[in-house]
Protein backbone atom coordinates (compact mmCIF):
# COMPACT_ATOMS: atom_id res chain seq x y z
CA UNK A 1 0.00 0.00 0.00
CA UNK A 2 1.04 3.62 -0.53
CA UNK A 3 0.20 6.83 1.27
CA UNK A 4 0.77 10.42 0.20
CA UNK A 5 1.01 12.81 3.13
CA UNK A 6 1.31 16.49 3.94
CA UNK A 7 3.56 15.72 6.89
CA UNK A 8 7.07 14.29 6.99
CA UNK A 9 7.34 10.83 8.55
CA UNK A 10 10.50 9.05 9.63
CA UNK A 11 10.92 5.59 8.13
CA UNK A 12 9.83 2.96 10.64
CA UNK A 13 6.87 2.21 12.88
CA UNK A 14 4.15 4.84 13.15
CA UNK A 15 1.29 4.92 15.62
CA UNK A 16 -2.13 5.73 14.18
CA UNK A 17 -2.65 9.10 15.86
CA UNK A 18 -6.28 9.20 14.70
CA UNK A 19 -7.21 6.55 17.27
CA UNK A 20 -6.50 9.14 20.00
CA UNK A 21 -7.47 12.34 18.20
CA UNK A 22 -10.01 12.04 15.40
CA UNK A 23 -9.03 13.31 11.98
CA UNK A 24 -10.67 16.53 10.87
CA UNK A 25 -11.50 16.65 7.18
CA UNK A 26 -9.15 18.60 4.91
CA UNK A 27 -11.53 18.99 1.95
CA UNK A 28 -14.80 17.22 2.78
CA UNK A 29 -17.66 19.20 4.33
CA UNK A 30 -17.82 18.58 8.09
CA UNK A 31 -21.49 17.51 7.98
CA UNK A 32 -20.76 14.91 5.27
CA UNK A 33 -17.75 13.76 7.28
CA UNK A 34 -19.76 13.29 10.50
CA UNK A 35 -22.74 11.58 8.84
CA UNK A 36 -20.37 9.27 6.96
CA UNK A 37 -18.41 8.44 10.10
CA UNK A 38 -21.62 7.44 11.86
CA UNK A 39 -22.69 5.34 8.85
CA UNK A 40 -19.34 3.50 8.76
CA UNK A 41 -19.47 3.03 12.54
CA UNK A 42 -22.93 1.46 12.38
CA UNK A 43 -21.96 -0.78 9.43
CA UNK A 44 -18.38 -1.78 10.32
CA UNK A 45 -17.73 -0.65 13.89
CA UNK A 46 -15.12 1.86 12.68
CA UNK A 47 -15.29 5.62 12.19
CA UNK A 48 -13.67 5.21 8.81
CA UNK A 49 -13.32 8.91 8.01
CA UNK A 50 -11.84 9.85 11.41
CA UNK A 51 -9.85 6.84 12.62
CA UNK A 52 -8.21 5.36 9.54
CA UNK A 53 -5.10 5.88 7.46
CA UNK A 54 -5.98 6.68 3.84
CA UNK A 55 -3.94 4.58 1.41
CA UNK A 56 -4.01 3.14 -2.07
CA UNK A 57 -2.50 0.13 -3.80
CA UNK A 58 -1.57 2.57 -6.57
CA UNK A 59 1.54 4.69 -6.13
CA UNK A 60 0.11 7.12 -8.72
CA UNK A 61 -3.18 7.56 -6.84
CA UNK A 62 -1.43 7.96 -3.48
CA UNK A 63 0.93 10.58 -4.91
CA UNK A 64 -2.07 12.85 -5.62
CA UNK A 65 -2.34 13.46 -1.86
CA UNK A 66 1.32 14.37 -1.38
CA UNK A 67 2.07 17.97 -0.38
CA UNK A 68 5.22 19.53 1.00
CA UNK A 69 6.77 18.86 3.52
CA UNK A 70 5.18 15.40 3.34
CA UNK A 71 6.11 12.48 1.21
CA UNK A 72 5.06 9.33 -0.56
CA UNK A 73 5.36 6.26 1.64
CA UNK A 74 5.04 2.52 1.26
CA UNK A 75 2.81 1.30 4.08
CA UNK A 76 3.03 -2.19 5.54
CA UNK A 77 1.56 -3.91 8.56
CA UNK A 78 3.90 -5.39 11.15
CA UNK A 79 3.62 -9.14 11.58
CA UNK A 80 0.88 -10.05 14.06
CA UNK A 81 -0.74 -6.59 14.00
CA UNK A 82 -4.51 -6.81 13.46
CA UNK A 83 -6.01 -4.49 10.89
CA UNK A 84 -9.05 -3.92 8.73
CA UNK A 85 -9.45 -2.16 5.41
CA UNK A 86 -12.68 -0.53 4.25
CA UNK A 87 -13.12 0.08 0.54
CA UNK A 88 -15.57 0.32 -2.31
CA UNK A 89 -14.84 -0.80 -5.86
CA UNK A 90 -17.14 2.05 -6.91
CA UNK A 91 -15.15 4.81 -5.18
CA UNK A 92 -11.67 5.93 -6.18
CA UNK A 93 -11.76 9.03 -3.98
CA UNK A 94 -14.29 9.62 -1.21
CA UNK A 95 -14.39 13.32 -2.14
CA UNK A 96 -16.49 12.22 -5.14
CA UNK A 97 -19.44 12.34 -2.74
CA UNK A 98 -19.33 16.15 -2.79
CA UNK A 99 -19.90 16.19 -6.55
CA UNK A 100 -22.77 13.72 -6.23
CA UNK A 101 -24.84 15.65 -3.68
CA UNK A 102 -26.73 18.92 -3.72
CA UNK A 103 -26.13 21.63 -1.14
CA UNK A 104 -27.48 21.99 1.49
CA UNK A 105 -26.53 18.42 2.32
CA UNK A 106 -29.20 16.09 3.69
CA UNK A 107 -28.33 13.13 5.90
CA UNK A 108 -30.52 10.66 4.00
CA UNK A 109 -28.90 11.59 0.66
CA UNK A 110 -25.45 11.03 2.19
CA UNK A 111 -26.36 7.65 3.67
CA UNK A 112 -28.13 6.61 0.45
CA UNK A 113 -24.96 7.49 -1.53
CA UNK A 114 -22.82 5.47 0.89
CA UNK A 115 -25.20 2.50 0.77
CA UNK A 116 -25.18 2.55 -3.03
CA UNK A 117 -21.37 2.19 -3.13
CA UNK A 118 -21.27 -1.32 -1.64
CA UNK A 119 -18.46 -0.68 0.83
CA UNK A 120 -16.81 -3.76 2.26
CA UNK A 121 -14.47 -4.50 5.15
CA UNK A 122 -11.60 -6.94 4.70
CA UNK A 123 -9.18 -8.13 7.35
CA UNK A 124 -6.50 -9.29 4.91
CA UNK A 125 -4.99 -7.22 2.11
CA UNK A 126 -5.16 -10.34 -0.10
CA UNK A 127 -8.97 -9.98 -0.06
CA UNK A 128 -8.90 -6.63 -1.90
CA UNK A 129 -10.36 -7.13 -5.38
CA UNK A 130 -7.76 -7.62 -8.10
CA UNK A 131 -6.94 -4.41 -9.97
CA UNK A 132 -8.40 -2.12 -7.30
CA UNK A 133 -6.72 1.32 -7.34
CA UNK A 134 -9.04 3.45 -5.23
CA UNK A 135 -8.98 4.71 -1.68
CA UNK A 136 -8.33 2.26 1.14
CA UNK A 137 -9.28 3.21 4.68
CA UNK A 138 -6.82 1.31 6.87
CA UNK A 139 -7.84 0.77 10.48
CA UNK A 140 -4.74 -0.21 12.42
CA UNK A 141 -2.96 0.73 15.63
CA UNK A 142 0.64 0.59 14.37
CA UNK A 143 1.97 0.49 10.82
CA UNK A 144 5.33 0.73 9.09
CA UNK A 145 6.26 3.44 6.57
CA UNK A 146 9.15 3.70 4.16
CA UNK A 147 9.58 6.80 2.02
CA UNK A 148 9.62 6.05 -1.71
CA UNK A 149 10.36 8.16 -4.77
CA UNK A 150 7.46 9.82 -6.49
CA UNK A 151 8.17 8.70 -10.07
C-alpha atoms as a PDB file:
ATOM      1  CA  UNK A   1       0.000   0.000   0.000  1.00  0.00           C
ATOM      2  CA  UNK A   2       1.040   3.617  -0.530  1.00  0.00           C
ATOM      3  CA  UNK A   3       0.203   6.834   1.267  1.00  0.00           C
ATOM      4  CA  UNK A   4       0.767  10.419   0.196  1.00  0.00           C
ATOM      5  CA  UNK A   5       1.013  12.815   3.127  1.00  0.00           C
ATOM      6  CA  UNK A   6       1.311  16.491   3.939  1.00  0.00           C
ATOM      7  CA  UNK A   7       3.558  15.723   6.890  1.00  0.00           C
ATOM      8  CA  UNK A   8       7.066  14.291   6.985  1.00  0.00           C
ATOM      9  CA  UNK A   9       7.336  10.829   8.547  1.00  0.00           C
ATOM     10  CA  UNK A  10      10.503   9.047   9.629  1.00  0.00           C
ATOM     11  CA  UNK A  11      10.922   5.587   8.130  1.00  0.00           C
ATOM     12  CA  UNK A  12       9.830   2.963  10.644  1.00  0.00           C
ATOM     13  CA  UNK A  13       6.874   2.206  12.879  1.00  0.00           C
ATOM     14  CA  UNK A  14       4.154   4.840  13.152  1.00  0.00           C
ATOM     15  CA  UNK A  15       1.288   4.920  15.620  1.00  0.00           C
ATOM     16  CA  UNK A  16      -2.131   5.728  14.176  1.00  0.00           C
ATOM     17  CA  UNK A  17      -2.652   9.098  15.857  1.00  0.00           C
ATOM     18  CA  UNK A  18      -6.280   9.200  14.703  1.00  0.00           C
ATOM     19  CA  UNK A  19      -7.209   6.553  17.272  1.00  0.00           C
ATOM     20  CA  UNK A  20      -6.504   9.141  20.001  1.00  0.00           C
ATOM     21  CA  UNK A  21      -7.468  12.344  18.198  1.00  0.00           C
ATOM     22  CA  UNK A  22     -10.010  12.040  15.402  1.00  0.00           C
ATOM     23  CA  UNK A  23      -9.029  13.306  11.977  1.00  0.00           C
ATOM     24  CA  UNK A  24     -10.671  16.526  10.871  1.00  0.00           C
ATOM     25  CA  UNK A  25     -11.498  16.653   7.185  1.00  0.00           C
ATOM     26  CA  UNK A  26      -9.155  18.601   4.913  1.00  0.00           C
ATOM     27  CA  UNK A  27     -11.530  18.986   1.955  1.00  0.00           C
ATOM     28  CA  UNK A  28     -14.804  17.224   2.775  1.00  0.00           C
ATOM     29  CA  UNK A  29     -17.659  19.199   4.325  1.00  0.00           C
ATOM     30  CA  UNK A  30     -17.825  18.580   8.094  1.00  0.00           C
ATOM     31  CA  UNK A  31     -21.495  17.513   7.977  1.00  0.00           C
ATOM     32  CA  UNK A  32     -20.759  14.914   5.270  1.00  0.00           C
ATOM     33  CA  UNK A  33     -17.748  13.758   7.283  1.00  0.00           C
ATOM     34  CA  UNK A  34     -19.762  13.288  10.501  1.00  0.00           C
ATOM     35  CA  UNK A  35     -22.735  11.577   8.843  1.00  0.00           C
ATOM     36  CA  UNK A  36     -20.367   9.270   6.959  1.00  0.00           C
ATOM     37  CA  UNK A  37     -18.410   8.437  10.100  1.00  0.00           C
ATOM     38  CA  UNK A  38     -21.623   7.441  11.856  1.00  0.00           C
ATOM     39  CA  UNK A  39     -22.693   5.343   8.851  1.00  0.00           C
ATOM     40  CA  UNK A  40     -19.339   3.504   8.757  1.00  0.00           C
ATOM     41  CA  UNK A  41     -19.467   3.026  12.537  1.00  0.00           C
ATOM     42  CA  UNK A  42     -22.931   1.457  12.380  1.00  0.00           C
ATOM     43  CA  UNK A  43     -21.964  -0.777   9.431  1.00  0.00           C
ATOM     44  CA  UNK A  44     -18.375  -1.783  10.320  1.00  0.00           C
ATOM     45  CA  UNK A  45     -17.734  -0.651  13.894  1.00  0.00           C
ATOM     46  CA  UNK A  46     -15.121   1.862  12.679  1.00  0.00           C
ATOM     47  CA  UNK A  47     -15.295   5.616  12.189  1.00  0.00           C
ATOM     48  CA  UNK A  48     -13.665   5.211   8.808  1.00  0.00           C
ATOM     49  CA  UNK A  49     -13.321   8.911   8.014  1.00  0.00           C
ATOM     50  CA  UNK A  50     -11.843   9.853  11.406  1.00  0.00           C
ATOM     51  CA  UNK A  51      -9.850   6.843  12.623  1.00  0.00           C
ATOM     52  CA  UNK A  52      -8.208   5.362   9.543  1.00  0.00           C
ATOM     53  CA  UNK A  53      -5.100   5.884   7.460  1.00  0.00           C
ATOM     54  CA  UNK A  54      -5.982   6.683   3.839  1.00  0.00           C
ATOM     55  CA  UNK A  55      -3.942   4.580   1.415  1.00  0.00           C
ATOM     56  CA  UNK A  56      -4.014   3.137  -2.073  1.00  0.00           C
ATOM     57  CA  UNK A  57      -2.497   0.133  -3.798  1.00  0.00           C
ATOM     58  CA  UNK A  58      -1.570   2.572  -6.566  1.00  0.00           C
ATOM     59  CA  UNK A  59       1.539   4.690  -6.134  1.00  0.00           C
ATOM     60  CA  UNK A  60       0.114   7.122  -8.718  1.00  0.00           C
ATOM     61  CA  UNK A  61      -3.182   7.558  -6.840  1.00  0.00           C
ATOM     62  CA  UNK A  62      -1.426   7.961  -3.476  1.00  0.00           C
ATOM     63  CA  UNK A  63       0.932  10.584  -4.910  1.00  0.00           C
ATOM     64  CA  UNK A  64      -2.072  12.847  -5.618  1.00  0.00           C
ATOM     65  CA  UNK A  65      -2.336  13.463  -1.861  1.00  0.00           C
ATOM     66  CA  UNK A  66       1.321  14.368  -1.382  1.00  0.00           C
ATOM     67  CA  UNK A  67       2.067  17.971  -0.385  1.00  0.00           C
ATOM     68  CA  UNK A  68       5.216  19.532   1.005  1.00  0.00           C
ATOM     69  CA  UNK A  69       6.766  18.861   3.517  1.00  0.00           C
ATOM     70  CA  UNK A  70       5.177  15.402   3.338  1.00  0.00           C
ATOM     71  CA  UNK A  71       6.109  12.480   1.212  1.00  0.00           C
ATOM     72  CA  UNK A  72       5.059   9.333  -0.560  1.00  0.00           C
ATOM     73  CA  UNK A  73       5.356   6.264   1.641  1.00  0.00           C
ATOM     74  CA  UNK A  74       5.044   2.525   1.264  1.00  0.00           C
ATOM     75  CA  UNK A  75       2.807   1.295   4.079  1.00  0.00           C
ATOM     76  CA  UNK A  76       3.031  -2.195   5.535  1.00  0.00           C
ATOM     77  CA  UNK A  77       1.558  -3.907   8.557  1.00  0.00           C
ATOM     78  CA  UNK A  78       3.905  -5.394  11.148  1.00  0.00           C
ATOM     79  CA  UNK A  79       3.617  -9.142  11.584  1.00  0.00           C
ATOM     80  CA  UNK A  80       0.885 -10.048  14.059  1.00  0.00           C
ATOM     81  CA  UNK A  81      -0.745  -6.588  13.998  1.00  0.00           C
ATOM     82  CA  UNK A  82      -4.505  -6.813  13.462  1.00  0.00           C
ATOM     83  CA  UNK A  83      -6.011  -4.490  10.886  1.00  0.00           C
ATOM     84  CA  UNK A  84      -9.047  -3.916   8.726  1.00  0.00           C
ATOM     85  CA  UNK A  85      -9.452  -2.163   5.409  1.00  0.00           C
ATOM     86  CA  UNK A  86     -12.677  -0.527   4.251  1.00  0.00           C
ATOM     87  CA  UNK A  87     -13.124   0.080   0.542  1.00  0.00           C
ATOM     88  CA  UNK A  88     -15.565   0.322  -2.307  1.00  0.00           C
ATOM     89  CA  UNK A  89     -14.838  -0.800  -5.863  1.00  0.00           C
ATOM     90  CA  UNK A  90     -17.139   2.050  -6.908  1.00  0.00           C
ATOM     91  CA  UNK A  91     -15.152   4.806  -5.178  1.00  0.00           C
ATOM     92  CA  UNK A  92     -11.668   5.926  -6.183  1.00  0.00           C
ATOM     93  CA  UNK A  93     -11.763   9.026  -3.975  1.00  0.00           C
ATOM     94  CA  UNK A  94     -14.289   9.618  -1.207  1.00  0.00           C
ATOM     95  CA  UNK A  95     -14.393  13.320  -2.140  1.00  0.00           C
ATOM     96  CA  UNK A  96     -16.494  12.223  -5.144  1.00  0.00           C
ATOM     97  CA  UNK A  97     -19.441  12.343  -2.744  1.00  0.00           C
ATOM     98  CA  UNK A  98     -19.335  16.152  -2.791  1.00  0.00           C
ATOM     99  CA  UNK A  99     -19.895  16.195  -6.552  1.00  0.00           C
ATOM    100  CA  UNK A 100     -22.765  13.723  -6.227  1.00  0.00           C
ATOM    101  CA  UNK A 101     -24.844  15.651  -3.684  1.00  0.00           C
ATOM    102  CA  UNK A 102     -26.732  18.921  -3.717  1.00  0.00           C
ATOM    103  CA  UNK A 103     -26.129  21.630  -1.139  1.00  0.00           C
ATOM    104  CA  UNK A 104     -27.482  21.992   1.490  1.00  0.00           C
ATOM    105  CA  UNK A 105     -26.529  18.418   2.318  1.00  0.00           C
ATOM    106  CA  UNK A 106     -29.202  16.089   3.686  1.00  0.00           C
ATOM    107  CA  UNK A 107     -28.329  13.128   5.901  1.00  0.00           C
ATOM    108  CA  UNK A 108     -30.519  10.660   3.997  1.00  0.00           C
ATOM    109  CA  UNK A 109     -28.897  11.586   0.665  1.00  0.00           C
ATOM    110  CA  UNK A 110     -25.453  11.033   2.195  1.00  0.00           C
ATOM    111  CA  UNK A 111     -26.358   7.647   3.672  1.00  0.00           C
ATOM    112  CA  UNK A 112     -28.126   6.614   0.449  1.00  0.00           C
ATOM    113  CA  UNK A 113     -24.961   7.494  -1.530  1.00  0.00           C
ATOM    114  CA  UNK A 114     -22.816   5.474   0.890  1.00  0.00           C
ATOM    115  CA  UNK A 115     -25.195   2.498   0.767  1.00  0.00           C
ATOM    116  CA  UNK A 116     -25.178   2.553  -3.031  1.00  0.00           C
ATOM    117  CA  UNK A 117     -21.367   2.186  -3.130  1.00  0.00           C
ATOM    118  CA  UNK A 118     -21.271  -1.320  -1.639  1.00  0.00           C
ATOM    119  CA  UNK A 119     -18.465  -0.677   0.827  1.00  0.00           C
ATOM    120  CA  UNK A 120     -16.806  -3.761   2.259  1.00  0.00           C
ATOM    121  CA  UNK A 121     -14.470  -4.499   5.149  1.00  0.00           C
ATOM    122  CA  UNK A 122     -11.602  -6.937   4.704  1.00  0.00           C
ATOM    123  CA  UNK A 123      -9.177  -8.126   7.354  1.00  0.00           C
ATOM    124  CA  UNK A 124      -6.504  -9.293   4.912  1.00  0.00           C
ATOM    125  CA  UNK A 125      -4.986  -7.224   2.113  1.00  0.00           C
ATOM    126  CA  UNK A 126      -5.164 -10.339  -0.099  1.00  0.00           C
ATOM    127  CA  UNK A 127      -8.967  -9.983  -0.062  1.00  0.00           C
ATOM    128  CA  UNK A 128      -8.896  -6.633  -1.899  1.00  0.00           C
ATOM    129  CA  UNK A 129     -10.362  -7.131  -5.383  1.00  0.00           C
ATOM    130  CA  UNK A 130      -7.756  -7.616  -8.103  1.00  0.00           C
ATOM    131  CA  UNK A 131      -6.936  -4.406  -9.972  1.00  0.00           C
ATOM    132  CA  UNK A 132      -8.399  -2.119  -7.298  1.00  0.00           C
ATOM    133  CA  UNK A 133      -6.716   1.320  -7.345  1.00  0.00           C
ATOM    134  CA  UNK A 134      -9.040   3.449  -5.227  1.00  0.00           C
ATOM    135  CA  UNK A 135      -8.978   4.709  -1.679  1.00  0.00           C
ATOM    136  CA  UNK A 136      -8.327   2.260   1.142  1.00  0.00           C
ATOM    137  CA  UNK A 137      -9.281   3.215   4.684  1.00  0.00           C
ATOM    138  CA  UNK A 138      -6.816   1.308   6.866  1.00  0.00           C
ATOM    139  CA  UNK A 139      -7.844   0.771  10.478  1.00  0.00           C
ATOM    140  CA  UNK A 140      -4.744  -0.211  12.418  1.00  0.00           C
ATOM    141  CA  UNK A 141      -2.961   0.732  15.631  1.00  0.00           C
ATOM    142  CA  UNK A 142       0.639   0.593  14.365  1.00  0.00           C
ATOM    143  CA  UNK A 143       1.967   0.493  10.823  1.00  0.00           C
ATOM    144  CA  UNK A 144       5.326   0.734   9.092  1.00  0.00           C
ATOM    145  CA  UNK A 145       6.261   3.440   6.575  1.00  0.00           C
ATOM    146  CA  UNK A 146       9.152   3.702   4.160  1.00  0.00           C
ATOM    147  CA  UNK A 147       9.576   6.804   2.020  1.00  0.00           C
ATOM    148  CA  UNK A 148       9.618   6.048  -1.714  1.00  0.00           C
ATOM    149  CA  UNK A 149      10.365   8.156  -4.767  1.00  0.00           C
ATOM    150  CA  UNK A 150       7.459   9.818  -6.495  1.00  0.00           C
ATOM    151  CA  UNK A 151       8.170   8.703 -10.074  1.00  0.00           C
END
